[in-house]
Amino acid sequence: MKEMAKEWESTLSGNGEEGQEEVVGQVVDGMMKQLLSKEFMYEPMKDICDSFPTWLAENKSKLNEKDYEQYGKQYQYFQRIVHVYEHDPENIARLSELMHDIQEFGQPPPELIKKLAPDLELDQNGIPNMDGAGLGPMMNEECCIM
C-alpha cells in the first residue's frame, strides 16, 4: 500500500509533461489490479462469504425486514465475487463492477468485519477507522488530493 501511495504521489507531482493523463491512468489501473488481485482479496471475501449464512440466521430476528433483505443481497454479491476469484481471477473489470455494485448495500455486518480483523477499529457507522494506516499524507488535512 505504501508503494502504491509513493507511486501515486510521484505521478501527481509531475511537471505537467505530455502524457501525464496516460501515466495517471496507468497508475490507477495498476493500483486497481493490485487491490483487486486474488492474492490480496480472495481470502477475506471467502471468509465473509462463508460466515454470512450463519450470521444471517442468528440475526434474522434482530433485523427489520429491509435490513435483512439488504444483507441477503450483499451476501449474494459476496458469492458472485468469490465465484469470479475462483473461476476468472484475472477479470479485473468484472471484479471492479461487482465491488462497485456491492457498495449499494453498505458495509458488511460489523461482526463479520471484526471477525476478519479483530484489531480494526470501526466508527459508529461500521466503517473502518483508517487513521494511522500507513497512508501518510494521503489521509491527512494537508493532502492536496482531498
N, C-alpha and C. Protein backbone atom coordinates (compact mmCIF):
# COMPACT_ATOMS: atom_id res chain seq x y z
N MET A 1 0.83 -1.18 0.00
CA MET A 1 0.00 0.00 0.00
C MET A 1 0.88 1.25 0.00
N LYS A 2 1.93 1.24 0.81
CA LYS A 2 2.83 2.40 0.84
C LYS A 2 3.48 2.61 -0.52
N GLU A 3 3.82 1.50 -1.19
CA GLU A 3 4.44 1.58 -2.51
C GLU A 3 3.50 2.26 -3.50
N MET A 4 2.23 1.88 -3.44
CA MET A 4 1.25 2.48 -4.34
C MET A 4 1.08 3.96 -4.03
N ALA A 5 1.07 4.32 -2.77
CA ALA A 5 0.91 5.72 -2.38
C ALA A 5 2.09 6.54 -2.89
N LYS A 6 3.32 6.01 -2.76
CA LYS A 6 4.51 6.72 -3.25
C LYS A 6 4.45 6.89 -4.76
N GLU A 7 4.03 5.85 -5.47
CA GLU A 7 3.93 5.91 -6.92
C GLU A 7 2.91 6.98 -7.33
N TRP A 8 1.79 7.00 -6.62
CA TRP A 8 0.73 7.97 -6.90
C TRP A 8 1.22 9.40 -6.65
N GLU A 9 1.87 9.62 -5.52
CA GLU A 9 2.40 10.95 -5.19
C GLU A 9 3.42 11.38 -6.23
N SER A 10 4.28 10.48 -6.64
CA SER A 10 5.30 10.79 -7.63
C SER A 10 4.66 11.19 -8.96
N THR A 11 3.63 10.48 -9.36
CA THR A 11 2.94 10.79 -10.60
C THR A 11 2.25 12.14 -10.53
N LEU A 12 1.58 12.41 -9.42
CA LEU A 12 0.84 13.66 -9.28
C LEU A 12 1.74 14.88 -9.15
N SER A 13 2.96 14.67 -8.72
CA SER A 13 3.87 15.81 -8.55
C SER A 13 4.70 16.05 -9.80
N GLY A 14 4.28 15.45 -10.93
CA GLY A 14 5.00 15.64 -12.20
C GLY A 14 4.96 17.09 -12.63
N ASN A 15 5.70 17.41 -13.64
CA ASN A 15 5.86 18.79 -14.10
C ASN A 15 4.97 19.13 -15.29
N GLY A 16 3.80 18.50 -15.39
CA GLY A 16 2.89 18.81 -16.48
C GLY A 16 3.37 18.29 -17.82
N GLU A 17 4.15 17.25 -17.81
CA GLU A 17 4.70 16.70 -19.04
C GLU A 17 3.57 16.10 -19.88
N GLU A 18 3.83 16.03 -21.20
CA GLU A 18 2.86 15.40 -22.08
C GLU A 18 2.70 13.94 -21.66
N GLY A 19 1.49 13.45 -21.82
CA GLY A 19 1.24 12.06 -21.46
C GLY A 19 0.96 11.86 -19.99
N GLN A 20 0.88 12.94 -19.22
CA GLN A 20 0.65 12.83 -17.77
C GLN A 20 -0.66 12.11 -17.48
N GLU A 21 -1.71 12.43 -18.25
CA GLU A 21 -3.00 11.78 -18.04
C GLU A 21 -2.91 10.28 -18.29
N GLU A 22 -2.16 9.90 -19.31
CA GLU A 22 -1.98 8.49 -19.62
C GLU A 22 -1.24 7.78 -18.49
N VAL A 23 -0.23 8.44 -17.96
CA VAL A 23 0.55 7.87 -16.85
C VAL A 23 -0.35 7.70 -15.63
N VAL A 24 -1.16 8.73 -15.34
CA VAL A 24 -2.07 8.64 -14.19
C VAL A 24 -3.04 7.47 -14.40
N GLY A 25 -3.57 7.33 -15.61
CA GLY A 25 -4.47 6.22 -15.92
C GLY A 25 -3.80 4.87 -15.71
N GLN A 26 -2.54 4.77 -16.11
CA GLN A 26 -1.80 3.52 -15.93
C GLN A 26 -1.57 3.23 -14.45
N VAL A 27 -1.27 4.27 -13.68
CA VAL A 27 -1.05 4.09 -12.24
C VAL A 27 -2.35 3.62 -11.59
N VAL A 28 -3.46 4.27 -11.94
CA VAL A 28 -4.75 3.88 -11.36
C VAL A 28 -5.09 2.44 -11.75
N ASP A 29 -4.90 2.08 -13.01
CA ASP A 29 -5.15 0.71 -13.45
C ASP A 29 -4.29 -0.28 -12.67
N GLY A 30 -3.02 0.06 -12.50
CA GLY A 30 -2.12 -0.82 -11.75
C GLY A 30 -2.54 -0.97 -10.30
N MET A 31 -2.97 0.15 -9.71
CA MET A 31 -3.43 0.08 -8.32
C MET A 31 -4.67 -0.79 -8.21
N MET A 32 -5.60 -0.63 -9.14
CA MET A 32 -6.83 -1.44 -9.11
C MET A 32 -6.51 -2.92 -9.26
N LYS A 33 -5.59 -3.24 -10.15
CA LYS A 33 -5.20 -4.64 -10.33
C LYS A 33 -4.60 -5.21 -9.05
N GLN A 34 -3.76 -4.40 -8.38
CA GLN A 34 -3.16 -4.87 -7.13
C GLN A 34 -4.21 -5.01 -6.03
N LEU A 35 -5.07 -4.00 -5.90
CA LEU A 35 -6.08 -4.03 -4.84
C LEU A 35 -7.12 -5.12 -5.04
N LEU A 36 -7.43 -5.44 -6.28
CA LEU A 36 -8.45 -6.45 -6.57
C LEU A 36 -7.86 -7.83 -6.87
N SER A 37 -6.56 -7.97 -6.72
CA SER A 37 -5.92 -9.25 -7.03
C SER A 37 -6.43 -10.34 -6.10
N LYS A 38 -6.45 -11.55 -6.63
CA LYS A 38 -6.88 -12.71 -5.84
C LYS A 38 -6.00 -12.86 -4.60
N GLU A 39 -4.73 -12.63 -4.77
CA GLU A 39 -3.78 -12.73 -3.66
C GLU A 39 -4.17 -11.82 -2.49
N PHE A 40 -4.67 -10.65 -2.80
CA PHE A 40 -4.99 -9.65 -1.79
C PHE A 40 -6.42 -9.78 -1.25
N MET A 41 -7.39 -10.12 -2.11
CA MET A 41 -8.79 -10.02 -1.73
C MET A 41 -9.54 -11.34 -1.55
N TYR A 42 -9.08 -12.41 -2.17
CA TYR A 42 -9.87 -13.65 -2.15
C TYR A 42 -10.15 -14.17 -0.74
N GLU A 43 -9.13 -14.30 0.05
CA GLU A 43 -9.31 -14.89 1.38
C GLU A 43 -10.32 -14.12 2.25
N PRO A 44 -10.19 -12.78 2.36
CA PRO A 44 -11.20 -12.07 3.16
C PRO A 44 -12.61 -12.16 2.57
N MET A 45 -12.72 -12.12 1.25
CA MET A 45 -14.04 -12.25 0.62
C MET A 45 -14.64 -13.63 0.90
N LYS A 46 -13.80 -14.66 0.79
CA LYS A 46 -14.25 -16.03 1.05
C LYS A 46 -14.66 -16.19 2.51
N ASP A 47 -13.88 -15.63 3.43
CA ASP A 47 -14.20 -15.72 4.85
C ASP A 47 -15.54 -15.06 5.17
N ILE A 48 -15.77 -13.88 4.60
CA ILE A 48 -17.06 -13.21 4.82
C ILE A 48 -18.18 -14.03 4.21
N CYS A 49 -17.97 -14.53 3.01
CA CYS A 49 -18.97 -15.33 2.33
C CYS A 49 -19.32 -16.59 3.13
N ASP A 50 -18.31 -17.22 3.68
CA ASP A 50 -18.54 -18.43 4.48
C ASP A 50 -19.26 -18.14 5.80
N SER A 51 -19.03 -16.97 6.37
CA SER A 51 -19.62 -16.61 7.66
C SER A 51 -21.01 -16.00 7.54
N PHE A 52 -21.33 -15.48 6.37
CA PHE A 52 -22.57 -14.73 6.20
C PHE A 52 -23.84 -15.54 6.48
N PRO A 53 -23.97 -16.78 5.97
CA PRO A 53 -25.22 -17.51 6.22
C PRO A 53 -25.51 -17.72 7.71
N THR A 54 -24.50 -18.06 8.47
CA THR A 54 -24.68 -18.26 9.91
C THR A 54 -25.07 -16.94 10.57
N TRP A 55 -24.40 -15.86 10.18
CA TRP A 55 -24.71 -14.55 10.76
C TRP A 55 -26.16 -14.16 10.43
N LEU A 56 -26.57 -14.39 9.18
CA LEU A 56 -27.95 -14.06 8.79
C LEU A 56 -28.95 -14.86 9.61
N ALA A 57 -28.70 -16.15 9.78
CA ALA A 57 -29.62 -17.00 10.54
C ALA A 57 -29.69 -16.56 12.01
N GLU A 58 -28.55 -16.25 12.59
CA GLU A 58 -28.50 -15.86 14.00
C GLU A 58 -29.09 -14.48 14.25
N ASN A 59 -29.10 -13.63 13.24
CA ASN A 59 -29.54 -12.25 13.44
C ASN A 59 -30.86 -11.90 12.76
N LYS A 60 -31.50 -12.87 12.13
CA LYS A 60 -32.75 -12.60 11.42
C LYS A 60 -33.80 -11.96 12.32
N SER A 61 -33.93 -12.47 13.52
CA SER A 61 -34.96 -11.94 14.43
C SER A 61 -34.60 -10.55 14.97
N LYS A 62 -33.33 -10.17 14.87
CA LYS A 62 -32.89 -8.86 15.37
C LYS A 62 -32.95 -7.76 14.31
N LEU A 63 -33.12 -8.16 13.06
CA LEU A 63 -33.10 -7.21 11.95
C LEU A 63 -34.51 -6.93 11.45
N ASN A 64 -34.73 -5.69 11.01
CA ASN A 64 -36.01 -5.43 10.35
C ASN A 64 -35.94 -6.04 8.96
N GLU A 65 -37.09 -6.13 8.30
CA GLU A 65 -37.17 -6.80 7.01
C GLU A 65 -36.27 -6.16 5.96
N LYS A 66 -36.22 -4.83 5.95
CA LYS A 66 -35.40 -4.11 4.97
C LYS A 66 -33.92 -4.44 5.15
N ASP A 67 -33.44 -4.38 6.39
CA ASP A 67 -32.03 -4.68 6.65
C ASP A 67 -31.69 -6.13 6.33
N TYR A 68 -32.61 -7.04 6.66
CA TYR A 68 -32.37 -8.45 6.37
C TYR A 68 -32.25 -8.67 4.86
N GLU A 69 -33.14 -8.04 4.10
CA GLU A 69 -33.08 -8.17 2.64
C GLU A 69 -31.78 -7.56 2.10
N GLN A 70 -31.40 -6.41 2.65
CA GLN A 70 -30.17 -5.75 2.21
C GLN A 70 -28.96 -6.64 2.46
N TYR A 71 -28.87 -7.22 3.66
CA TYR A 71 -27.75 -8.10 3.96
C TYR A 71 -27.80 -9.36 3.09
N GLY A 72 -29.00 -9.85 2.80
CA GLY A 72 -29.13 -11.01 1.93
C GLY A 72 -28.60 -10.73 0.53
N LYS A 73 -28.93 -9.55 0.00
CA LYS A 73 -28.42 -9.16 -1.32
C LYS A 73 -26.91 -8.97 -1.28
N GLN A 74 -26.44 -8.39 -0.19
CA GLN A 74 -25.00 -8.20 -0.03
C GLN A 74 -24.29 -9.57 -0.05
N TYR A 75 -24.86 -10.53 0.65
CA TYR A 75 -24.30 -11.88 0.67
C TYR A 75 -24.24 -12.46 -0.74
N GLN A 76 -25.29 -12.23 -1.54
CA GLN A 76 -25.29 -12.72 -2.92
C GLN A 76 -24.14 -12.11 -3.72
N TYR A 77 -23.85 -10.84 -3.47
CA TYR A 77 -22.73 -10.21 -4.16
C TYR A 77 -21.40 -10.81 -3.71
N PHE A 78 -21.28 -11.09 -2.42
CA PHE A 78 -20.04 -11.74 -1.96
C PHE A 78 -19.89 -13.09 -2.65
N GLN A 79 -20.97 -13.82 -2.83
CA GLN A 79 -20.90 -15.10 -3.53
C GLN A 79 -20.43 -14.91 -4.97
N ARG A 80 -20.94 -13.88 -5.64
CA ARG A 80 -20.53 -13.61 -7.02
C ARG A 80 -19.04 -13.25 -7.09
N ILE A 81 -18.61 -12.43 -6.15
CA ILE A 81 -17.20 -12.02 -6.12
C ILE A 81 -16.30 -13.23 -5.92
N VAL A 82 -16.65 -14.08 -4.96
CA VAL A 82 -15.85 -15.28 -4.68
C VAL A 82 -15.85 -16.18 -5.91
N HIS A 83 -16.99 -16.30 -6.58
CA HIS A 83 -17.07 -17.12 -7.79
C HIS A 83 -16.08 -16.62 -8.86
N VAL A 84 -16.03 -15.31 -9.06
CA VAL A 84 -15.10 -14.75 -10.05
C VAL A 84 -13.66 -15.04 -9.62
N TYR A 85 -13.35 -14.86 -8.34
CA TYR A 85 -11.98 -15.15 -7.89
C TYR A 85 -11.63 -16.62 -8.10
N GLU A 86 -12.59 -17.50 -7.97
CA GLU A 86 -12.31 -18.93 -8.11
C GLU A 86 -12.25 -19.38 -9.57
N HIS A 87 -12.96 -18.68 -10.47
CA HIS A 87 -13.06 -19.15 -11.85
C HIS A 87 -12.45 -18.22 -12.90
N ASP A 88 -12.31 -16.94 -12.58
CA ASP A 88 -11.78 -15.97 -13.55
C ASP A 88 -11.08 -14.83 -12.82
N PRO A 89 -10.06 -15.15 -12.01
CA PRO A 89 -9.45 -14.14 -11.13
C PRO A 89 -8.77 -12.97 -11.84
N GLU A 90 -8.49 -13.10 -13.11
CA GLU A 90 -7.85 -12.01 -13.86
C GLU A 90 -8.87 -11.04 -14.44
N ASN A 91 -10.15 -11.31 -14.25
CA ASN A 91 -11.20 -10.46 -14.81
C ASN A 91 -11.42 -9.26 -13.88
N ILE A 92 -10.47 -8.35 -13.91
CA ILE A 92 -10.48 -7.17 -13.03
C ILE A 92 -11.69 -6.29 -13.33
N ALA A 93 -12.10 -6.21 -14.59
CA ALA A 93 -13.26 -5.38 -14.93
C ALA A 93 -14.51 -5.91 -14.23
N ARG A 94 -14.70 -7.21 -14.24
CA ARG A 94 -15.89 -7.80 -13.58
C ARG A 94 -15.80 -7.64 -12.07
N LEU A 95 -14.62 -7.88 -11.51
CA LEU A 95 -14.44 -7.71 -10.07
C LEU A 95 -14.70 -6.26 -9.66
N SER A 96 -14.20 -5.33 -10.44
CA SER A 96 -14.41 -3.91 -10.16
C SER A 96 -15.90 -3.57 -10.21
N GLU A 97 -16.58 -4.11 -11.21
CA GLU A 97 -18.03 -3.88 -11.34
C GLU A 97 -18.78 -4.43 -10.12
N LEU A 98 -18.45 -5.64 -9.71
CA LEU A 98 -19.12 -6.24 -8.55
C LEU A 98 -18.81 -5.47 -7.27
N MET A 99 -17.55 -5.05 -7.11
CA MET A 99 -17.17 -4.27 -5.93
C MET A 99 -17.92 -2.93 -5.91
N HIS A 100 -18.09 -2.34 -7.06
CA HIS A 100 -18.84 -1.09 -7.15
C HIS A 100 -20.30 -1.34 -6.79
N ASP A 101 -20.89 -2.38 -7.37
CA ASP A 101 -22.31 -2.69 -7.14
C ASP A 101 -22.61 -3.03 -5.69
N ILE A 102 -21.70 -3.73 -5.03
CA ILE A 102 -21.95 -4.16 -3.65
C ILE A 102 -22.02 -2.95 -2.70
N GLN A 103 -21.41 -1.84 -3.11
CA GLN A 103 -21.42 -0.64 -2.27
C GLN A 103 -22.84 -0.13 -2.05
N GLU A 104 -23.73 -0.45 -2.97
CA GLU A 104 -25.14 -0.04 -2.84
C GLU A 104 -25.76 -0.57 -1.54
N PHE A 105 -25.23 -1.65 -1.02
CA PHE A 105 -25.81 -2.30 0.15
C PHE A 105 -25.09 -1.96 1.45
N GLY A 106 -24.17 -1.01 1.41
CA GLY A 106 -23.50 -0.54 2.62
C GLY A 106 -22.40 -1.49 3.08
N GLN A 107 -21.99 -1.26 4.32
CA GLN A 107 -20.92 -2.06 4.93
C GLN A 107 -21.44 -3.43 5.33
N PRO A 108 -20.58 -4.45 5.27
CA PRO A 108 -20.98 -5.76 5.81
C PRO A 108 -21.23 -5.63 7.31
N PRO A 109 -21.90 -6.58 7.89
CA PRO A 109 -22.14 -6.53 9.34
C PRO A 109 -20.83 -6.35 10.10
N PRO A 110 -20.81 -5.41 11.06
CA PRO A 110 -19.58 -5.16 11.82
C PRO A 110 -19.00 -6.42 12.47
N GLU A 111 -19.85 -7.35 12.87
CA GLU A 111 -19.37 -8.59 13.50
C GLU A 111 -18.51 -9.41 12.53
N LEU A 112 -18.89 -9.39 11.26
CA LEU A 112 -18.10 -10.14 10.27
C LEU A 112 -16.78 -9.45 9.99
N ILE A 113 -16.79 -8.13 9.96
CA ILE A 113 -15.54 -7.40 9.76
C ILE A 113 -14.61 -7.62 10.95
N LYS A 114 -15.16 -7.54 12.15
CA LYS A 114 -14.34 -7.74 13.36
C LYS A 114 -13.75 -9.14 13.41
N LYS A 115 -14.51 -10.11 12.91
CA LYS A 115 -14.02 -11.50 12.89
C LYS A 115 -12.77 -11.61 12.00
N LEU A 116 -12.77 -10.89 10.89
CA LEU A 116 -11.63 -10.91 9.97
C LEU A 116 -10.45 -10.11 10.49
N ALA A 117 -10.76 -8.98 11.11
CA ALA A 117 -9.71 -8.06 11.57
C ALA A 117 -10.04 -7.60 12.98
N PRO A 118 -9.75 -8.43 13.98
CA PRO A 118 -10.14 -8.13 15.35
C PRO A 118 -9.58 -6.81 15.89
N ASP A 119 -8.44 -6.37 15.38
CA ASP A 119 -7.82 -5.13 15.87
C ASP A 119 -8.30 -3.89 15.13
N LEU A 120 -9.09 -4.09 14.10
CA LEU A 120 -9.57 -2.96 13.32
C LEU A 120 -10.64 -2.19 14.09
N GLU A 121 -10.45 -0.89 14.18
CA GLU A 121 -11.43 -0.05 14.84
C GLU A 121 -12.46 0.42 13.84
N LEU A 122 -13.75 0.33 14.22
CA LEU A 122 -14.84 0.77 13.36
C LEU A 122 -15.50 1.99 13.96
N ASP A 123 -15.95 2.91 13.09
CA ASP A 123 -16.67 4.07 13.61
C ASP A 123 -18.14 3.68 13.88
N GLN A 124 -18.95 4.66 14.26
CA GLN A 124 -20.33 4.39 14.63
C GLN A 124 -21.16 3.85 13.47
N ASN A 125 -20.69 4.02 12.23
CA ASN A 125 -21.39 3.52 11.05
C ASN A 125 -20.84 2.18 10.55
N GLY A 126 -19.90 1.60 11.29
CA GLY A 126 -19.30 0.34 10.90
C GLY A 126 -18.22 0.47 9.85
N ILE A 127 -17.76 1.69 9.61
CA ILE A 127 -16.71 1.93 8.62
C ILE A 127 -15.35 1.89 9.32
N PRO A 128 -14.39 1.17 8.73
CA PRO A 128 -13.07 1.10 9.36
C PRO A 128 -12.43 2.47 9.54
N ASN A 129 -11.83 2.67 10.70
CA ASN A 129 -11.09 3.90 11.00
C ASN A 129 -9.71 3.73 10.40
N MET A 130 -9.36 4.59 9.45
CA MET A 130 -8.10 4.45 8.73
C MET A 130 -6.98 5.34 9.28
N ASP A 131 -7.20 6.01 10.40
CA ASP A 131 -6.15 6.83 10.99
C ASP A 131 -4.94 5.95 11.28
N GLY A 132 -3.78 6.42 10.85
CA GLY A 132 -2.55 5.69 11.15
C GLY A 132 -2.38 4.42 10.34
N ALA A 133 -3.06 4.32 9.21
CA ALA A 133 -2.98 3.10 8.42
C ALA A 133 -1.77 3.08 7.49
N GLY A 134 -0.84 3.98 7.70
CA GLY A 134 0.37 3.99 6.88
C GLY A 134 0.19 4.66 5.53
N LEU A 135 -0.84 5.49 5.39
CA LEU A 135 -1.07 6.15 4.11
C LEU A 135 -0.46 7.53 4.06
N GLY A 136 0.20 7.93 5.12
CA GLY A 136 0.92 9.19 5.16
C GLY A 136 0.07 10.38 4.76
N PRO A 137 0.62 11.24 3.88
CA PRO A 137 -0.07 12.47 3.52
C PRO A 137 -1.37 12.25 2.76
N MET A 138 -1.61 11.06 2.28
CA MET A 138 -2.85 10.82 1.55
C MET A 138 -4.07 10.89 2.45
N MET A 139 -3.90 10.74 3.74
CA MET A 139 -5.04 10.68 4.63
C MET A 139 -5.06 11.81 5.66
N ASN A 140 -4.38 12.90 5.40
CA ASN A 140 -4.42 13.99 6.37
C ASN A 140 -4.91 15.28 5.72
N GLU A 141 -5.09 16.29 6.53
CA GLU A 141 -5.65 17.55 6.07
C GLU A 141 -4.76 18.27 5.08
N GLU A 142 -3.48 17.99 5.07
CA GLU A 142 -2.55 18.66 4.18
C GLU A 142 -2.53 18.04 2.78
N CYS A 143 -3.24 16.98 2.60
CA CYS A 143 -3.24 16.28 1.32
C CYS A 143 -3.80 17.18 0.23
N CYS A 144 -3.10 17.26 -0.88
CA CYS A 144 -3.55 18.12 -1.97
C CYS A 144 -4.59 17.44 -2.84
N ILE A 145 -4.81 16.14 -2.65
CA ILE A 145 -5.77 15.41 -3.46
C ILE A 145 -7.17 15.53 -2.90
N MET A 146 -7.29 15.53 -1.59
CA MET A 146 -8.60 15.51 -0.97
C MET A 146 -9.08 16.89 -0.59
